[in-house]
């Protein structure tokens, strides 16, 4: 039996298919078009992921250096007498604002500074440190000792006694 150029192998009743005329360009276009559309999106996504700075926090904004007086004032405090800032004080924010400050001060003045700054606060102690490497901790909010008129919603103070005469104070104040 001789082959015929008719679909189905029958000489009658079938449709003719031209040999060697498969339209691969249509298949190629259907495959290439989505790839060409998705490729720039993939490149942009990879660029965003790898361009993230390590200095960015949860809010997505890089922290900026600010005067320590500004960072402490946001939490209702002032730099105590004899204190020396360590490093820089920073602010970071997008929807929430987060100030941080670190300073060294005479160890004997820490309790007095905290009592003077937050007179309605509970007594600071090591029991509130919850696994943190600190000798003294104080967590405040408007329901627990934070004075009226303070912009921050929460203030955290962590104190590490570095030696017999010096304490390192880490101060954070933020909104929630």
N, C-alpha and C. Protein backbone atom coordinates (compact mmCIF):
# COMPACT_ATOMS: atom_id res chain seq x y z
N UNK A 1 0.84 -1.16 0.00
CA UNK A 1 0.00 0.00 0.00
C UNK A 1 0.89 1.23 0.00
N UNK A 2 0.59 2.11 -0.85
CA UNK A 2 1.38 3.32 -1.00
C UNK A 2 0.87 4.37 -0.02
N UNK A 3 1.77 5.17 0.45
CA UNK A 3 1.40 6.24 1.39
C UNK A 3 0.76 7.38 0.63
N UNK A 4 -0.20 7.99 1.32
CA UNK A 4 -0.88 9.11 0.70
C UNK A 4 -0.68 10.35 1.55
N UNK A 5 -0.73 11.55 0.95
CA UNK A 5 -0.56 12.77 1.72
C UNK A 5 -1.83 13.21 2.41
N UNK A 6 -2.62 12.27 2.85
CA UNK A 6 -3.89 12.60 3.48
C UNK A 6 -3.83 12.15 4.93
N UNK A 7 -4.36 12.99 5.85
CA UNK A 7 -4.37 12.64 7.27
C UNK A 7 -5.20 11.38 7.47
N UNK A 8 -4.75 10.50 8.33
CA UNK A 8 -5.49 9.28 8.61
C UNK A 8 -5.12 8.15 7.68
N UNK A 9 -4.32 8.39 6.65
CA UNK A 9 -3.88 7.34 5.75
C UNK A 9 -4.92 6.91 4.75
N UNK A 10 -6.04 7.54 4.70
CA UNK A 10 -7.08 7.16 3.76
C UNK A 10 -7.11 8.15 2.60
N UNK A 11 -7.34 7.69 1.44
CA UNK A 11 -7.38 8.60 0.31
C UNK A 11 -8.61 9.48 0.29
N UNK A 12 -9.65 9.09 0.97
CA UNK A 12 -10.86 9.88 0.93
C UNK A 12 -11.31 10.25 2.34
N UNK A 13 -11.97 11.38 2.50
CA UNK A 13 -12.59 11.77 3.77
C UNK A 13 -11.65 12.43 4.75
N UNK A 14 -10.39 12.52 4.52
CA UNK A 14 -9.46 13.16 5.45
C UNK A 14 -9.04 14.52 4.93
N UNK A 15 -8.38 15.29 5.79
CA UNK A 15 -7.90 16.60 5.38
C UNK A 15 -6.46 16.49 4.97
N UNK A 16 -6.10 17.24 4.00
CA UNK A 16 -4.73 17.19 3.53
C UNK A 16 -3.82 18.02 4.43
N UNK A 17 -2.68 17.44 4.77
CA UNK A 17 -1.68 18.13 5.58
C UNK A 17 -0.44 18.29 4.71
N UNK A 18 -0.04 19.53 4.48
CA UNK A 18 1.18 19.70 3.70
C UNK A 18 2.38 19.19 4.49
N UNK A 19 3.20 18.44 3.84
CA UNK A 19 4.37 17.86 4.52
C UNK A 19 5.44 18.93 4.70
N UNK A 20 6.11 18.88 5.93
CA UNK A 20 7.22 19.79 6.21
C UNK A 20 6.79 21.22 6.49
N UNK A 21 5.55 21.45 6.79
CA UNK A 21 5.05 22.82 6.98
C UNK A 21 4.55 23.03 8.41
N UNK A 22 5.14 22.37 9.39
CA UNK A 22 4.75 22.59 10.78
C UNK A 22 5.11 24.02 11.14
N UNK A 23 4.24 24.71 11.77
CA UNK A 23 4.45 26.13 12.08
C UNK A 23 5.09 26.28 13.47
N UNK A 24 6.38 26.00 13.54
CA UNK A 24 7.11 26.07 14.80
C UNK A 24 7.26 27.49 15.30
N UNK A 25 7.19 28.46 14.46
CA UNK A 25 7.34 29.85 14.90
C UNK A 25 6.22 30.23 15.84
N UNK A 26 5.03 29.65 15.66
CA UNK A 26 3.93 29.94 16.58
C UNK A 26 4.22 29.35 17.96
N UNK A 27 4.72 28.14 17.98
CA UNK A 27 5.08 27.50 19.24
C UNK A 27 6.20 28.28 19.92
N UNK A 28 7.19 28.66 19.15
CA UNK A 28 8.31 29.43 19.71
C UNK A 28 7.84 30.76 20.26
N UNK A 29 6.92 31.42 19.57
CA UNK A 29 6.40 32.70 20.05
C UNK A 29 5.61 32.52 21.34
N UNK A 30 4.83 31.46 21.42
CA UNK A 30 4.05 31.20 22.64
C UNK A 30 4.94 30.90 23.84
N UNK A 31 6.09 30.31 23.61
CA UNK A 31 7.03 30.01 24.70
C UNK A 31 7.88 31.24 25.02
N UNK A 32 8.33 31.96 24.02
CA UNK A 32 9.25 33.08 24.23
C UNK A 32 8.57 34.31 24.80
N UNK A 33 7.35 34.56 24.43
CA UNK A 33 6.66 35.77 24.88
C UNK A 33 6.53 35.84 26.40
N UNK A 34 6.04 34.81 27.08
CA UNK A 34 5.99 34.89 28.55
C UNK A 34 7.38 35.00 29.17
N UNK A 35 8.36 34.33 28.58
CA UNK A 35 9.72 34.41 29.11
C UNK A 35 10.26 35.84 29.00
N UNK A 36 10.00 36.50 27.89
CA UNK A 36 10.47 37.88 27.71
C UNK A 36 9.75 38.85 28.64
N UNK A 37 8.53 38.55 29.01
CA UNK A 37 7.79 39.41 29.93
C UNK A 37 8.25 39.16 31.37
N UNK A 38 8.48 37.91 31.73
CA UNK A 38 8.84 37.57 33.10
C UNK A 38 10.31 37.82 33.42
N UNK A 39 11.17 37.78 32.43
CA UNK A 39 12.60 37.97 32.67
C UNK A 39 12.93 39.32 33.31
N UNK A 40 12.42 40.45 32.83
CA UNK A 40 12.71 41.72 33.51
C UNK A 40 12.17 41.76 34.94
N UNK A 41 11.03 41.15 35.17
CA UNK A 41 10.50 41.10 36.54
C UNK A 41 11.42 40.29 37.45
N UNK A 42 11.94 39.19 36.95
CA UNK A 42 12.86 38.37 37.73
C UNK A 42 14.16 39.13 38.01
N UNK A 43 14.68 39.82 37.02
CA UNK A 43 15.91 40.60 37.21
C UNK A 43 15.68 41.71 38.24
N UNK A 44 14.54 42.39 38.17
CA UNK A 44 14.24 43.44 39.15
C UNK A 44 14.12 42.87 40.55
N UNK A 45 13.47 41.74 40.70
CA UNK A 45 13.32 41.11 42.01
C UNK A 45 14.67 40.72 42.60
N UNK A 46 15.51 40.10 41.81
CA UNK A 46 16.85 39.70 42.28
C UNK A 46 17.66 40.94 42.66
N UNK A 47 17.54 42.01 41.88
CA UNK A 47 18.25 43.25 42.21
C UNK A 47 17.80 43.84 43.53
N UNK A 48 16.52 43.81 43.80
CA UNK A 48 16.01 44.34 45.06
C UNK A 48 16.48 43.49 46.23
N UNK A 49 16.42 42.19 46.09
CA UNK A 49 16.83 41.30 47.18
C UNK A 49 18.30 41.49 47.52
N UNK A 50 19.16 41.56 46.52
CA UNK A 50 20.58 41.67 46.79
C UNK A 50 21.04 43.08 47.08
N UNK A 51 20.20 44.08 46.89
CA UNK A 51 20.60 45.44 47.19
C UNK A 51 20.24 45.85 48.61
N UNK A 52 19.58 45.00 49.38
CA UNK A 52 19.21 45.33 50.75
C UNK A 52 20.47 45.59 51.57
N UNK A 53 20.45 46.66 52.31
CA UNK A 53 21.56 47.05 53.16
C UNK A 53 21.42 46.35 54.51
N UNK A 54 22.52 45.92 55.10
CA UNK A 54 22.47 45.27 56.41
C UNK A 54 22.01 46.22 57.50
N UNK A 55 22.05 47.52 57.23
CA UNK A 55 21.68 48.51 58.22
C UNK A 55 20.18 48.78 58.23
N UNK A 56 19.46 48.05 57.42
CA UNK A 56 18.01 48.25 57.37
C UNK A 56 17.36 47.34 58.39
N UNK A 57 16.39 47.87 59.06
CA UNK A 57 15.67 47.10 60.05
C UNK A 57 14.36 46.59 59.52
N UNK A 58 13.51 46.21 60.45
CA UNK A 58 12.22 45.68 60.05
C UNK A 58 11.40 46.69 59.28
N UNK A 59 11.57 47.94 59.61
CA UNK A 59 10.78 48.96 58.93
C UNK A 59 11.22 49.24 57.52
N UNK A 60 12.37 48.72 57.12
CA UNK A 60 12.83 48.92 55.77
C UNK A 60 13.61 50.20 55.56
N UNK A 61 13.82 51.00 56.53
CA UNK A 61 14.56 52.25 56.39
C UNK A 61 15.90 52.10 57.09
N UNK A 62 16.92 52.69 56.51
CA UNK A 62 18.24 52.67 57.13
C UNK A 62 18.25 53.58 58.34
N UNK A 63 19.02 53.19 59.34
CA UNK A 63 19.11 54.04 60.53
C UNK A 63 19.98 55.25 60.22
N UNK A 64 19.63 56.36 60.84
CA UNK A 64 20.36 57.61 60.65
C UNK A 64 20.91 58.07 62.00
N UNK A 65 22.07 58.69 61.96
CA UNK A 65 22.65 59.23 63.19
C UNK A 65 21.92 60.51 63.57
N UNK A 66 21.67 60.63 64.87
CA UNK A 66 21.01 61.83 65.42
C UNK A 66 21.75 62.22 66.68
N UNK A 67 21.58 63.44 67.15
CA UNK A 67 22.17 63.82 68.44
C UNK A 67 21.58 62.94 69.55
N UNK A 68 22.41 62.56 70.50
CA UNK A 68 21.94 61.71 71.59
C UNK A 68 20.86 62.41 72.41
N UNK A 69 20.92 63.73 72.50
CA UNK A 69 19.88 64.47 73.22
C UNK A 69 18.51 64.24 72.58
N UNK A 70 18.46 64.15 71.25
CA UNK A 70 17.20 63.90 70.55
C UNK A 70 16.69 62.49 70.83
N UNK A 71 17.59 61.51 70.80
CA UNK A 71 17.19 60.12 71.06
C UNK A 71 16.64 59.97 72.47
N UNK A 72 17.32 60.56 73.44
CA UNK A 72 16.87 60.46 74.83
C UNK A 72 15.58 61.24 75.06
N UNK A 73 15.45 62.41 74.45
CA UNK A 73 14.25 63.23 74.63
C UNK A 73 13.01 62.53 74.10
N UNK A 74 13.15 61.73 73.06
CA UNK A 74 12.01 60.98 72.52
C UNK A 74 11.43 60.03 73.57
N UNK A 75 12.31 59.55 74.46
CA UNK A 75 11.87 58.67 75.55
C UNK A 75 11.70 59.38 76.86
N UNK A 76 11.74 60.72 76.87
CA UNK A 76 11.51 61.49 78.09
C UNK A 76 12.70 61.57 79.01
N UNK A 77 13.91 61.43 78.49
CA UNK A 77 15.12 61.44 79.32
C UNK A 77 16.09 62.50 78.82
N UNK A 78 17.09 62.78 79.64
CA UNK A 78 18.21 63.64 79.26
C UNK A 78 19.49 62.89 79.57
N UNK A 79 20.55 63.25 78.87
CA UNK A 79 21.84 62.62 79.12
C UNK A 79 22.30 62.98 80.53
N UNK A 80 22.58 61.98 81.36
CA UNK A 80 22.97 62.29 82.74
C UNK A 80 24.33 62.97 82.84
N UNK A 81 24.53 63.66 83.94
CA UNK A 81 25.81 64.33 84.18
C UNK A 81 26.92 63.28 84.23
N UNK A 82 28.02 63.58 83.58
CA UNK A 82 29.17 62.68 83.58
C UNK A 82 29.07 61.56 82.56
N UNK A 83 28.02 61.54 81.75
CA UNK A 83 27.85 60.47 80.76
C UNK A 83 28.62 60.80 79.49
N UNK A 84 29.16 59.75 78.85
CA UNK A 84 29.88 59.87 77.59
C UNK A 84 29.23 58.95 76.56
N UNK A 85 28.68 59.51 75.48
CA UNK A 85 28.08 58.65 74.45
C UNK A 85 29.11 57.71 73.85
N UNK A 86 28.70 56.50 73.56
CA UNK A 86 29.57 55.51 72.91
C UNK A 86 29.00 55.26 71.53
N UNK A 87 29.82 55.38 70.53
CA UNK A 87 29.31 55.21 69.17
C UNK A 87 28.39 56.36 68.82
N UNK A 88 27.32 56.04 68.15
CA UNK A 88 26.38 57.08 67.76
C UNK A 88 24.97 56.74 68.17
N UNK A 89 24.18 57.75 68.35
CA UNK A 89 22.77 57.56 68.63
C UNK A 89 22.05 57.56 67.28
N UNK A 90 21.02 56.72 67.16
CA UNK A 90 20.38 56.55 65.87
C UNK A 90 18.86 56.64 65.97
N UNK A 91 18.26 56.92 64.82
CA UNK A 91 16.81 56.84 64.66
C UNK A 91 16.55 56.03 63.40
N UNK A 92 15.52 55.23 63.47
CA UNK A 92 15.12 54.42 62.34
C UNK A 92 13.61 54.42 62.31
N UNK A 93 13.03 54.60 61.15
CA UNK A 93 11.58 54.59 61.14
C UNK A 93 10.97 54.61 59.78
N UNK A 94 9.78 54.09 59.74
CA UNK A 94 8.92 54.17 58.58
C UNK A 94 7.53 54.48 59.11
N UNK A 95 6.83 53.49 59.59
CA UNK A 95 5.56 53.75 60.27
C UNK A 95 5.80 53.90 61.77
N UNK A 96 6.69 53.09 62.30
CA UNK A 96 7.07 53.19 63.70
C UNK A 96 8.44 53.85 63.77
N UNK A 97 8.69 54.53 64.88
CA UNK A 97 9.97 55.23 65.06
C UNK A 97 10.74 54.52 66.16
N UNK A 98 12.02 54.31 65.95
CA UNK A 98 12.87 53.60 66.91
C UNK A 98 14.16 54.39 67.12
N UNK A 99 14.33 54.94 68.31
CA UNK A 99 15.55 55.65 68.68
C UNK A 99 16.39 54.74 69.56
N UNK A 100 17.70 54.83 69.41
CA UNK A 100 18.58 54.09 70.31
C UNK A 100 19.79 54.96 70.66
N UNK A 101 20.26 54.76 71.87
CA UNK A 101 21.43 55.49 72.37
C UNK A 101 22.20 54.57 73.30
N UNK A 102 23.49 54.76 73.34
CA UNK A 102 24.34 54.03 74.28
C UNK A 102 25.35 55.01 74.84
N UNK A 103 25.53 54.93 76.15
CA UNK A 103 26.49 55.83 76.80
C UNK A 103 27.03 55.18 78.05
N UNK A 104 28.21 55.66 78.46
CA UNK A 104 28.82 55.22 79.71
C UNK A 104 28.66 56.33 80.73
N UNK A 105 28.44 55.92 81.96
CA UNK A 105 28.27 56.90 83.04
C UNK A 105 28.79 56.28 84.33
N UNK A 106 28.97 57.10 85.36
CA UNK A 106 29.40 56.54 86.65
C UNK A 106 28.36 55.54 87.16
N UNK A 107 28.84 54.41 87.57
CA UNK A 107 27.95 53.33 88.01
C UNK A 107 27.07 53.75 89.17
N UNK A 108 27.61 54.57 90.06
CA UNK A 108 26.84 54.98 91.24
C UNK A 108 25.68 55.91 90.90
N UNK A 109 25.70 56.53 89.73
CA UNK A 109 24.65 57.47 89.38
C UNK A 109 23.50 56.89 88.57
N UNK A 110 23.58 55.62 88.20
CA UNK A 110 22.55 55.02 87.34
C UNK A 110 21.19 55.01 88.03
N UNK A 111 21.13 54.50 89.25
CA UNK A 111 19.84 54.42 89.96
C UNK A 111 19.23 55.80 90.15
N UNK A 112 20.05 56.77 90.56
CA UNK A 112 19.54 58.13 90.76
C UNK A 112 19.01 58.73 89.45
N UNK A 113 19.72 58.50 88.36
CA UNK A 113 19.27 59.01 87.06
C UNK A 113 17.93 58.41 86.68
N UNK A 114 17.78 57.10 86.87
CA UNK A 114 16.51 56.45 86.52
C UNK A 114 15.36 56.94 87.40
N UNK A 115 15.61 57.09 88.69
CA UNK A 115 14.56 57.56 89.60
C UNK A 115 14.17 59.00 89.28
N UNK A 116 15.15 59.84 88.98
CA UNK A 116 14.87 61.24 88.64
C UNK A 116 14.13 61.34 87.30
N UNK A 117 14.52 60.52 86.33
CA UNK A 117 13.93 60.58 84.99
C UNK A 117 12.54 59.97 84.95
N UNK A 118 12.36 58.85 85.62
CA UNK A 118 11.08 58.14 85.61
C UNK A 118 10.60 57.89 87.04
N UNK A 119 10.07 58.92 87.70
CA UNK A 119 9.70 58.79 89.12
C UNK A 119 8.57 57.79 89.38
N UNK A 120 7.70 57.55 88.42
CA UNK A 120 6.58 56.62 88.62
C UNK A 120 6.89 55.21 88.13
N UNK A 121 8.11 54.97 87.72
CA UNK A 121 8.48 53.67 87.17
C UNK A 121 8.68 52.65 88.28
N UNK A 122 8.49 51.38 87.97
CA UNK A 122 8.82 50.34 88.95
C UNK A 122 10.33 50.31 89.20
N UNK A 123 10.71 49.72 90.29
CA UNK A 123 12.13 49.61 90.65
C UNK A 123 12.85 48.77 89.60
N UNK A 124 13.92 49.29 88.99
CA UNK A 124 14.65 48.48 88.02
C UNK A 124 15.34 47.31 88.71
N UNK A 125 15.49 46.23 87.97
CA UNK A 125 16.14 45.07 88.54
C UNK A 125 16.62 44.12 87.47
N UNK A 126 17.37 43.11 87.90
CA UNK A 126 17.90 42.13 86.97
C UNK A 126 16.86 41.09 86.59
N UNK A 127 15.79 40.98 87.36
CA UNK A 127 14.75 40.00 87.08
C UNK A 127 13.98 40.28 85.80
N UNK A 128 14.01 41.52 85.31
CA UNK A 128 13.28 41.88 84.10
C UNK A 128 14.10 41.72 82.83
N UNK A 129 15.33 41.26 82.96
CA UNK A 129 16.23 41.21 81.81
C UNK A 129 15.92 40.05 80.86
N UNK A 130 15.22 39.05 81.28
CA UNK A 130 14.74 37.95 80.44
C UNK A 130 15.80 37.40 79.49
N UNK A 131 16.89 36.90 80.05
CA UNK A 131 17.91 36.26 79.25
C UNK A 131 18.89 37.20 78.57
N UNK A 132 18.73 38.49 78.74
CA UNK A 132 19.66 39.44 78.13
C UNK A 132 20.90 39.58 79.02
N UNK A 133 22.01 39.92 78.41
CA UNK A 133 23.25 40.11 79.15
C UNK A 133 23.25 41.52 79.74
N UNK A 134 22.55 41.70 80.85
CA UNK A 134 22.48 43.01 81.51
C UNK A 134 22.38 42.79 83.01
N UNK A 135 22.90 43.76 83.76
CA UNK A 135 22.84 43.69 85.22
C UNK A 135 21.61 44.38 85.77
N UNK A 136 21.04 45.28 84.99
CA UNK A 136 19.88 46.05 85.44
C UNK A 136 19.01 46.36 84.23
N UNK A 137 17.70 46.15 84.36
CA UNK A 137 16.79 46.38 83.24
C UNK A 137 15.57 47.16 83.71
N UNK A 138 15.05 47.96 82.79
CA UNK A 138 13.83 48.72 83.06
C UNK A 138 13.04 48.81 81.76
N UNK A 139 11.80 48.32 81.78
CA UNK A 139 10.91 48.40 80.63
C UNK A 139 9.71 49.24 81.02
N UNK A 140 9.47 50.29 80.24
CA UNK A 140 8.38 51.22 80.55
C UNK A 140 7.44 51.37 79.37
N UNK A 141 6.18 51.64 79.70
CA UNK A 141 5.20 52.06 78.70
C UNK A 141 4.25 53.02 79.41
N UNK A 142 3.25 53.50 78.73
CA UNK A 142 2.37 54.51 79.35
C UNK A 142 1.57 53.93 80.51
N UNK A 143 1.38 52.62 80.54
CA UNK A 143 0.67 52.00 81.66
C UNK A 143 1.62 51.68 82.82
N UNK A 144 2.90 51.67 82.57
CA UNK A 144 3.87 51.28 83.60
C UNK A 144 5.01 52.27 83.71
N UNK A 145 4.74 53.48 84.21
CA UNK A 145 5.79 54.40 84.61
C UNK A 145 6.28 55.41 83.61
N UNK A 146 5.84 55.36 82.37
CA UNK A 146 6.29 56.34 81.39
C UNK A 146 5.49 57.63 81.58
N UNK A 147 6.16 58.76 81.76
CA UNK A 147 5.44 60.02 82.04
C UNK A 147 4.56 60.47 80.87
N UNK A 148 3.55 61.25 81.18
CA UNK A 148 2.70 61.83 80.15
C UNK A 148 3.51 62.81 79.31
N UNK A 149 3.17 62.94 78.05
CA UNK A 149 3.85 63.87 77.17
C UNK A 149 5.05 63.29 76.46
N UNK A 150 5.43 62.05 76.78
CA UNK A 150 6.55 61.40 76.12
C UNK A 150 6.05 60.84 74.79
N UNK A 151 6.81 61.08 73.73
CA UNK A 151 6.39 60.63 72.40
C UNK A 151 6.47 59.12 72.23
N UNK A 152 7.43 58.48 72.88
CA UNK A 152 7.61 57.04 72.73
C UNK A 152 6.47 56.29 73.41
N UNK A 153 6.17 55.12 72.87
CA UNK A 153 5.19 54.24 73.50
C UNK A 153 5.86 53.29 74.48
N UNK A 154 7.12 52.94 74.19
CA UNK A 154 7.88 52.01 75.02
C UNK A 154 9.30 52.55 75.17
N UNK A 155 9.84 52.43 76.38
CA UNK A 155 11.23 52.77 76.66
C UNK A 155 11.87 51.57 77.34
N UNK A 156 13.05 51.20 76.87
CA UNK A 156 13.81 50.10 77.48
C UNK A 156 15.20 50.60 77.83
N UNK A 157 15.59 50.31 79.04
CA UNK A 157 16.92 50.69 79.51
C UNK A 157 17.61 49.41 79.97
N UNK A 158 18.81 49.17 79.46
CA UNK A 158 19.63 48.02 79.85
C UNK A 158 20.96 48.56 80.35
N UNK A 159 21.37 48.11 81.52
CA UNK A 159 22.61 48.60 82.14
C UNK A 159 23.54 47.42 82.37
N UNK A 160 24.77 47.56 81.92
CA UNK A 160 25.81 46.55 82.15
C UNK A 160 26.89 47.21 82.99
N UNK A 161 27.21 46.61 84.14
CA UNK A 161 28.29 47.11 84.99
C UNK A 161 29.61 46.61 84.41
N UNK A 162 30.34 47.52 83.79
CA UNK A 162 31.58 47.13 83.13
C UNK A 162 32.72 46.92 84.12
N UNK A 163 32.81 47.77 85.09
CA UNK A 163 33.81 47.62 86.15
C UNK A 163 33.24 48.26 87.40
N UNK A 164 34.06 48.45 88.42
CA UNK A 164 33.56 48.97 89.70
C UNK A 164 33.05 50.40 89.60
N UNK A 165 33.49 51.16 88.61
CA UNK A 165 33.09 52.56 88.55
C UNK A 165 32.29 52.97 87.32
N UNK A 166 32.17 52.09 86.32
CA UNK A 166 31.54 52.48 85.06
C UNK A 166 30.39 51.55 84.70
N UNK A 167 29.34 52.15 84.16
CA UNK A 167 28.20 51.37 83.67
C UNK A 167 27.93 51.76 82.22
N UNK A 168 27.65 50.77 81.40
CA UNK A 168 27.24 50.99 80.01
C UNK A 168 25.71 50.95 79.98
N UNK A 169 25.10 52.04 79.52
CA UNK A 169 23.64 52.14 79.47
C UNK A 169 23.21 52.09 78.02
N UNK A 170 22.31 51.15 77.71
CA UNK A 170 21.70 51.07 76.38
C UNK A 170 20.25 51.50 76.52
N UNK A 171 19.89 52.53 75.79
CA UNK A 171 18.57 53.16 75.90
C UNK A 171 17.87 53.05 74.56
N UNK A 172 16.67 52.51 74.54
CA UNK A 172 15.86 52.48 73.32
C UNK A 172 14.48 53.02 73.63
N UNK A 173 13.95 53.77 72.69
CA UNK A 173 12.61 54.33 72.82
C UNK A 173 11.95 54.21 71.45
N UNK A 174 10.73 53.69 71.43
CA UNK A 174 10.08 53.48 70.14
C UNK A 174 8.57 53.53 70.24
N UNK A 175 7.94 53.69 69.08
CA UNK A 175 6.49 53.62 68.99
C UNK A 175 6.12 52.23 68.51
N UNK A 176 4.87 51.87 68.73
CA UNK A 176 4.43 50.53 68.31
C UNK A 176 3.27 50.62 67.36
